[in-house]
Protein backbone atom coordinates (compact mmCIF):
# COMPACT_ATOMS: atom_id res chain seq x y z
CA MET A 1 -10.78 -64.72 62.06
CA ILE A 2 -14.72 -64.84 60.63
CA THR A 3 -15.47 -63.55 64.37
CA VAL A 4 -13.00 -60.18 63.77
CA LEU A 5 -14.65 -59.63 59.89
CA ALA A 6 -18.55 -61.09 60.58
CA PRO A 7 -19.33 -57.72 62.55
CA LEU A 8 -17.21 -55.31 61.03
CA LEU A 9 -18.30 -56.30 57.65
CA ALA A 10 -22.01 -56.54 58.22
CA LYS A 11 -21.61 -52.80 59.75
CA LEU A 12 -20.20 -51.76 56.68
CA PHE A 13 -22.32 -53.44 54.24
CA ALA A 14 -25.11 -51.88 55.75
CA VAL A 15 -24.47 -48.55 54.71
CA LEU A 16 -23.61 -50.39 51.15
CA ALA A 17 -26.70 -51.34 51.17
CA ALA A 18 -28.67 -47.90 51.95
CA GLY A 19 -26.25 -46.92 49.26
CA VAL A 20 -27.76 -49.10 46.67
CA LEU A 21 -31.05 -47.70 47.66
CA LEU A 22 -30.81 -44.09 47.63
CA ARG A 23 -28.78 -44.43 44.17
CA PRO A 24 -31.77 -43.64 42.19
CA ARG A 25 -32.48 -40.61 44.12
CA VAL A 26 -28.65 -39.39 44.47
CA SER A 27 -27.43 -37.31 41.26
CA ALA A 28 -24.17 -37.41 39.52
CA ARG A 29 -23.09 -34.86 40.61
CA ALA A 30 -23.97 -35.29 44.64
CA HIS A 31 -22.11 -38.62 44.33
CA ALA A 32 -18.85 -36.72 42.99
CA LEU A 33 -19.21 -34.10 45.54
CA VAL A 34 -19.20 -37.28 48.53
CA ASN A 35 -15.78 -38.49 46.08
CA ARG A 36 -14.15 -35.18 46.18
CA LEU A 37 -15.21 -34.90 50.57
CA ILE A 38 -13.28 -38.59 50.46
CA ILE A 39 -10.51 -37.68 48.57
CA ASP A 40 -9.70 -34.10 49.70
CA VAL A 41 -10.94 -33.74 52.89
CA VAL A 42 -11.40 -36.84 55.49
CA MET A 43 -9.02 -39.22 54.31
CA PRO A 44 -6.01 -37.19 53.94
CA ALA A 45 -6.59 -36.08 57.34
CA LEU A 46 -6.96 -39.14 59.05
CA LEU A 47 -3.81 -40.50 56.70
CA LEU A 48 -1.54 -37.43 58.37
CA LEU A 49 -2.81 -38.46 61.94
CA ALA A 50 -2.46 -42.26 61.74
CA LEU A 51 0.83 -41.78 60.30
CA TRP A 52 1.76 -38.85 62.97
CA ARG A 53 1.40 -41.12 66.06
CA THR A 54 2.88 -44.55 64.34
CA SER A 55 6.36 -45.80 65.44
CA PHE A 56 7.47 -47.84 62.49
CA GLU A 57 9.66 -50.48 62.61
CA PRO A 58 13.02 -51.53 60.75
CA THR A 59 11.79 -55.19 60.01
CA ALA A 60 8.28 -53.64 58.95
CA VAL A 61 9.91 -51.86 55.83
CA TRP A 62 10.86 -55.72 54.10
CA ALA A 63 7.57 -56.61 54.64
CA VAL A 64 7.26 -53.84 51.89
CA LEU A 65 9.20 -56.03 48.69
CA PRO A 66 7.21 -59.09 48.93
CA ALA A 67 3.98 -56.98 48.95
CA ALA A 68 5.17 -54.81 46.42
CA ALA A 69 6.00 -57.91 44.22
CA ALA A 70 2.42 -58.92 44.35
CA HIS A 71 1.49 -56.55 43.45
CA ILE A 72 3.17 -55.66 40.60
CA VAL A 73 2.71 -59.40 39.22
CA ILE A 74 -0.72 -59.09 39.83
CA CYS A 75 -1.59 -56.02 38.10
CA MET A 76 0.19 -57.60 34.94
CA LEU A 77 -2.15 -60.72 35.47
CA ALA A 78 -5.14 -58.13 36.25
CA TRP A 79 -4.17 -56.68 32.49
CA LEU A 80 -3.70 -59.98 30.75
CA THR A 81 -7.12 -61.13 32.52
CA ALA A 82 -9.24 -57.92 31.11
CA ARG A 83 -7.45 -58.52 27.51
CA ALA A 84 -8.67 -61.92 27.33
CA PHE A 85 -12.01 -60.84 28.21
CA HIS A 86 -12.12 -58.34 25.63
CA LEU A 87 -12.95 -55.50 27.97
CA PRO A 88 -13.04 -51.99 26.46
CA ARG A 89 -10.18 -49.77 27.61
CA THR A 90 -12.68 -47.94 29.83
CA ALA A 91 -12.98 -51.36 32.01
CA GLN A 92 -9.67 -52.57 31.92
CA GLY A 93 -8.41 -49.06 34.01
CA SER A 94 -11.00 -50.70 36.35
CA ALA A 95 -9.61 -53.56 36.55
CA LEU A 96 -6.13 -52.87 37.17
CA LEU A 97 -7.13 -50.71 39.84
CA THR A 98 -9.33 -52.43 41.69
CA THR A 99 -7.74 -56.15 41.45
CA THR A 100 -4.13 -54.55 41.88
CA PHE A 101 -4.73 -52.44 45.56
CA ALA A 102 -6.20 -53.62 48.68
CA ASN A 103 -8.41 -52.57 51.15
CA THR A 104 -5.21 -52.42 53.66
CA GLY A 105 -6.54 -49.81 55.74
CA PHE A 106 -10.40 -50.03 56.76
CA LEU A 107 -10.08 -53.74 56.90
CA GLY A 108 -6.49 -54.71 57.00
CA TYR A 109 -5.66 -52.68 59.90
CA PRO A 110 -8.52 -53.67 62.13
CA VAL A 111 -8.16 -57.11 61.28
CA VAL A 112 -4.30 -57.52 62.06
CA LEU A 113 -4.75 -55.86 65.53
CA ALA A 114 -7.91 -58.17 66.46
CA LEU A 115 -5.22 -61.27 65.22
CA PHE A 116 -1.79 -59.73 66.71
CA GLY A 117 -2.66 -57.52 69.68
CA SER A 118 -0.14 -55.07 70.62
CA ASP A 119 2.64 -56.45 68.70
CA GLY A 120 4.52 -53.71 67.43
CA ALA A 121 6.06 -55.21 64.64
CA ALA A 122 2.61 -56.60 63.23
CA ALA A 123 0.81 -53.11 63.24
CA SER A 124 3.86 -51.15 62.09
CA THR A 125 4.08 -53.94 59.07
CA ALA A 126 -0.02 -53.06 58.57
CA ILE A 127 0.77 -49.14 58.46
CA THR A 128 3.83 -49.75 56.34
CA ILE A 129 2.48 -51.59 53.18
CA ASP A 130 -0.89 -49.37 53.67
CA THR A 131 1.00 -46.64 53.57
CA LEU A 132 3.86 -47.49 50.87
CA CYS A 133 1.83 -50.13 48.84
CA THR A 134 -1.74 -49.24 48.82
CA THR A 135 -1.75 -45.37 49.40
CA VAL A 136 1.24 -44.45 47.70
CA GLY A 137 1.18 -46.97 44.81
CA LEU A 138 -2.74 -46.19 44.40
CA TRP A 139 -2.37 -42.19 44.06
CA THR A 140 0.74 -42.00 41.57
CA VAL A 141 0.67 -45.30 39.89
CA GLY A 142 -2.77 -46.23 39.48
CA ALA A 143 -3.55 -42.61 40.09
CA VAL A 144 -1.81 -42.29 36.09
CA LEU A 145 -3.15 -45.91 35.10
CA ALA A 146 -7.06 -44.89 35.12
CA ALA A 147 -5.90 -41.30 34.01
CA ARG A 148 -4.85 -43.56 30.55
CA HIS A 149 -7.63 -45.68 30.68
CA GLY A 150 -10.43 -43.34 31.47
CA GLY A 151 -9.17 -40.84 28.95
CA ARG A 152 -10.37 -37.88 30.80
CA ARG A 153 -6.88 -36.69 30.90
CA PRO A 154 -3.76 -37.42 29.15
CA TYR A 155 -1.02 -39.98 30.26
CA SER A 156 1.95 -37.46 31.08
CA LEU A 157 4.25 -36.12 33.36
CA GLY A 158 2.10 -33.69 34.11
CA GLY A 159 -0.52 -36.16 35.16
CA LEU A 160 2.22 -37.76 37.49
CA LEU A 161 2.52 -34.42 39.00
CA ARG A 162 -1.05 -33.54 39.68
CA ALA A 163 -1.32 -37.05 41.46
CA LEU A 164 2.03 -36.21 44.01
CA VAL A 165 0.31 -32.71 44.73
CA ARG A 166 -3.00 -34.13 45.92
CA PRO A 167 -3.92 -33.40 49.14
CA LEU A 168 -3.93 -36.80 50.73
CA THR A 169 -0.52 -37.02 49.08
CA VAL A 170 0.86 -34.50 50.68
CA CYS A 171 -0.78 -35.41 54.07
CA VAL A 172 1.04 -38.85 53.64
CA ALA A 173 4.11 -37.53 53.45
CA THR A 174 3.55 -34.86 56.00
CA GLY A 175 2.77 -37.21 58.48
CA LEU A 176 5.58 -39.52 57.93
CA ALA A 177 8.06 -36.69 58.42
CA LEU A 178 6.73 -36.15 61.60
CA SER A 179 6.82 -39.75 62.81
CA LEU A 180 10.78 -39.91 61.36
CA VAL A 181 11.78 -36.90 63.32
CA ASN A 182 9.56 -38.12 66.33
CA VAL A 183 7.67 -35.11 67.25
CA PRO A 184 5.48 -36.48 69.41
CA ALA A 185 1.10 -36.12 68.70
CA PRO A 186 -1.10 -34.43 70.65
CA SER A 187 -2.90 -37.07 72.93
CA PHE A 188 -6.71 -35.75 71.49
CA THR A 189 -5.48 -37.38 68.00
CA ASP A 190 -6.08 -40.82 69.33
CA THR A 191 -9.98 -39.58 69.60
CA LEU A 192 -9.67 -37.69 66.06
CA VAL A 193 -7.99 -40.57 64.56
CA THR A 194 -11.15 -43.35 65.64
CA TRP A 195 -13.42 -40.58 64.71
CA LEU A 196 -12.01 -40.08 61.13
CA GLY A 197 -11.39 -43.48 60.86
CA VAL A 198 -15.47 -44.18 61.66
CA THR A 199 -16.19 -41.24 59.18
CA VAL A 200 -14.10 -42.60 56.27
CA SER A 201 -15.54 -46.27 55.87
CA VAL A 202 -19.10 -44.73 56.35
CA LEU A 203 -18.55 -42.68 53.65
CA VAL A 204 -16.82 -44.85 51.23
CA PHE A 205 -19.33 -47.84 51.04
CA LEU A 206 -21.21 -45.29 50.71
CA SER A 207 -20.04 -44.07 47.68
CA LEU A 208 -19.63 -48.12 46.55
CA GLY A 209 -23.63 -48.47 47.27
CA LEU A 210 -24.07 -45.20 45.10
CA ALA A 211 -21.70 -46.46 42.46
CA LEU A 212 -23.05 -50.40 42.42
CA ASP A 213 -26.06 -51.15 39.82
CA ALA A 214 -26.75 -55.22 40.28
CA THR A 215 -28.71 -55.12 37.05
CA THR A 216 -25.34 -54.53 34.88
CA LEU A 217 -23.33 -56.61 36.36
CA ARG A 218 -24.87 -59.98 35.24
CA ALA A 219 -22.79 -60.40 31.69
CA ARG A 220 -19.84 -59.20 33.72
CA LEU A 221 -19.86 -61.75 35.90
CA PRO A 222 -17.13 -64.24 34.85
CA PRO A 223 -14.33 -61.55 33.95
CA ILE A 224 -15.55 -60.25 37.71
CA ALA A 225 -15.00 -63.66 38.87
CA ALA A 226 -11.80 -64.26 37.77
CA LEU A 227 -10.34 -60.92 38.78
CA GLY A 228 -11.75 -61.37 41.88
CA ALA A 229 -9.86 -64.78 41.89
CA LEU A 230 -6.54 -62.96 41.11
CA LYS A 231 -7.18 -61.02 43.92
CA LEU A 232 -8.22 -63.34 46.93
CA ILE A 233 -6.21 -66.38 46.09
CA VAL A 234 -3.45 -65.79 44.06
CA MET A 235 -1.67 -62.13 45.09
CA PRO A 236 -1.66 -63.39 48.67
CA LEU A 237 0.15 -67.25 47.37
CA LEU A 238 2.65 -64.69 45.41
CA ALA A 239 3.24 -62.83 48.52
CA LEU A 240 3.47 -65.63 51.03
CA VAL A 241 6.00 -67.78 48.45
CA ALA A 242 8.11 -64.33 48.50
CA ALA A 243 8.51 -63.85 51.76
CA ARG A 244 9.51 -67.19 52.34
CA LEU A 245 12.27 -66.59 50.21
CA MET A 246 13.47 -63.71 51.77
CA HIS A 247 12.81 -65.02 55.62
CA LEU A 248 11.12 -62.57 56.95
CA PRO A 249 9.87 -62.83 60.55
CA PRO A 250 6.70 -65.02 60.89
CA VAL A 251 4.83 -61.84 62.64
CA VAL A 252 6.26 -59.72 59.36
CA THR A 253 5.12 -62.99 56.74
CA GLY A 254 2.04 -63.39 58.36
CA VAL A 255 0.85 -59.52 58.56
CA ALA A 256 2.10 -59.30 54.49
CA VAL A 257 0.35 -62.07 53.38
CA LEU A 258 -2.63 -61.07 55.23
CA GLN A 259 -2.97 -57.68 54.05
CA CYS A 260 -2.08 -58.84 50.43
CA ALA A 261 -4.78 -60.79 51.18
CA MET A 262 -7.62 -58.58 51.60
CA PRO A 263 -10.56 -57.17 49.08
CA SER A 264 -10.37 -54.79 46.57
CA ALA A 265 -9.37 -51.19 48.13
CA MET A 266 -12.81 -49.22 47.95
CA VAL A 267 -11.20 -46.03 47.11
CA SER A 268 -9.47 -47.86 43.89
CA VAL A 269 -13.21 -47.27 42.69
CA ILE A 270 -13.61 -44.01 43.94
CA VAL A 271 -9.78 -43.24 41.99
CA SER A 272 -11.30 -45.74 38.57
CA ILE A 273 -14.48 -43.21 38.58
CA ASP A 274 -13.11 -40.00 39.03
CA GLU A 275 -10.26 -40.72 35.99
CA GLY A 276 -13.35 -42.16 33.81
CA CYS A 277 -12.81 -45.25 33.88
CA ASP A 278 -16.00 -48.06 33.90
CA ARG A 279 -17.76 -47.52 37.25
CA ASP A 280 -19.96 -50.84 36.89
CA MET A 281 -16.58 -52.86 36.39
CA ALA A 282 -15.27 -51.49 39.42
CA ALA A 283 -18.31 -51.50 41.73
CA GLY A 284 -18.72 -54.86 40.80
CA VAL A 285 -15.08 -56.20 41.45
CA ALA A 286 -15.12 -54.67 44.91
CA ALA A 287 -18.37 -55.23 46.03
CA LEU A 288 -17.28 -59.32 44.96
CA THR A 289 -14.03 -59.61 46.65
CA THR A 290 -15.52 -57.83 50.13
CA LEU A 291 -18.45 -60.31 49.85
CA ALA A 292 -15.80 -63.29 48.99
CA CYS A 293 -13.21 -62.88 51.64
CA VAL A 294 -15.09 -63.82 54.74
CA LEU A 295 -14.21 -67.11 52.93
CA THR A 296 -11.11 -66.97 51.68
CA LEU A 297 -9.10 -64.87 54.79
CA PRO A 298 -9.76 -68.10 57.18
CA LEU A 299 -7.67 -70.22 53.91
CA VAL A 300 -5.09 -67.88 53.22
CA ALA A 301 -4.84 -67.17 57.61
CA TRP A 302 -4.58 -70.96 57.43
CA LEU A 303 -1.88 -71.17 54.45
CA ILE A 304 0.26 -69.33 56.56
CA GLU A 305 0.34 -71.33 59.74
CA VAL A 306 1.23 -74.47 57.55
CA SER A 307 3.59 -73.29 55.37
CA GLY A 308 5.73 -71.67 58.27
């Protein structure tokens, strides 16, 4: 697994480093424009096309249950951890989002494809979890939690409705509908998905670099490390126990646990910042978990094998 992760992470961390170096020269307004480009343009287009061309396996739907259970429990534990460290409300919001939602798209999906090859159940399970647990969850419940803790918008039914009519959620619904009614995707979508995937990955890691201020993280290292342990160790263990109790097929179980073992979703940092939550806390948890996953993911993969 390290041979799969190392080249991918090396390229993305080079982009992140470029963002850190550019941070003093990039205004907050320019950074906000980069985030808007990610949220409202390239990511919606990528998800619409990726979902449209995906054929969903029935068994993949069951994998959502252990993954969703792990998300819910980890969200509660992240809140308790943030409270135990007496973090301010804006930092609590960042902790909730970056600890709960995983990088199931930019890292999880490529890793699953590399490990399981052309197995249709594996690919379908990976993208189902990414769509329902990460994308839908982050842009509905996650967005409302971030707004409630960030304080830029009041917590209300209207806030949830605003989240539901974003370009990204509309494109997810459209892509799912086109896939489920078996409308054939044009052949050129394969090339577009590849290009958009590279573009989104580069922009997201660049945005993380622009948000990351290493000098402010030293005093917050204990809570960041505790949240990182929840994300990378406790969350996949919860998913593994739930999947075994459900007696899911081995491939579906393996993919569900691996997706829950991925580091923080980079987009959770963007949502946290966009809603007024703590920028440094969000960037710190995402950066630490992305670095540490090189060590924790092989351990999780080993646990999946020995527990089977």
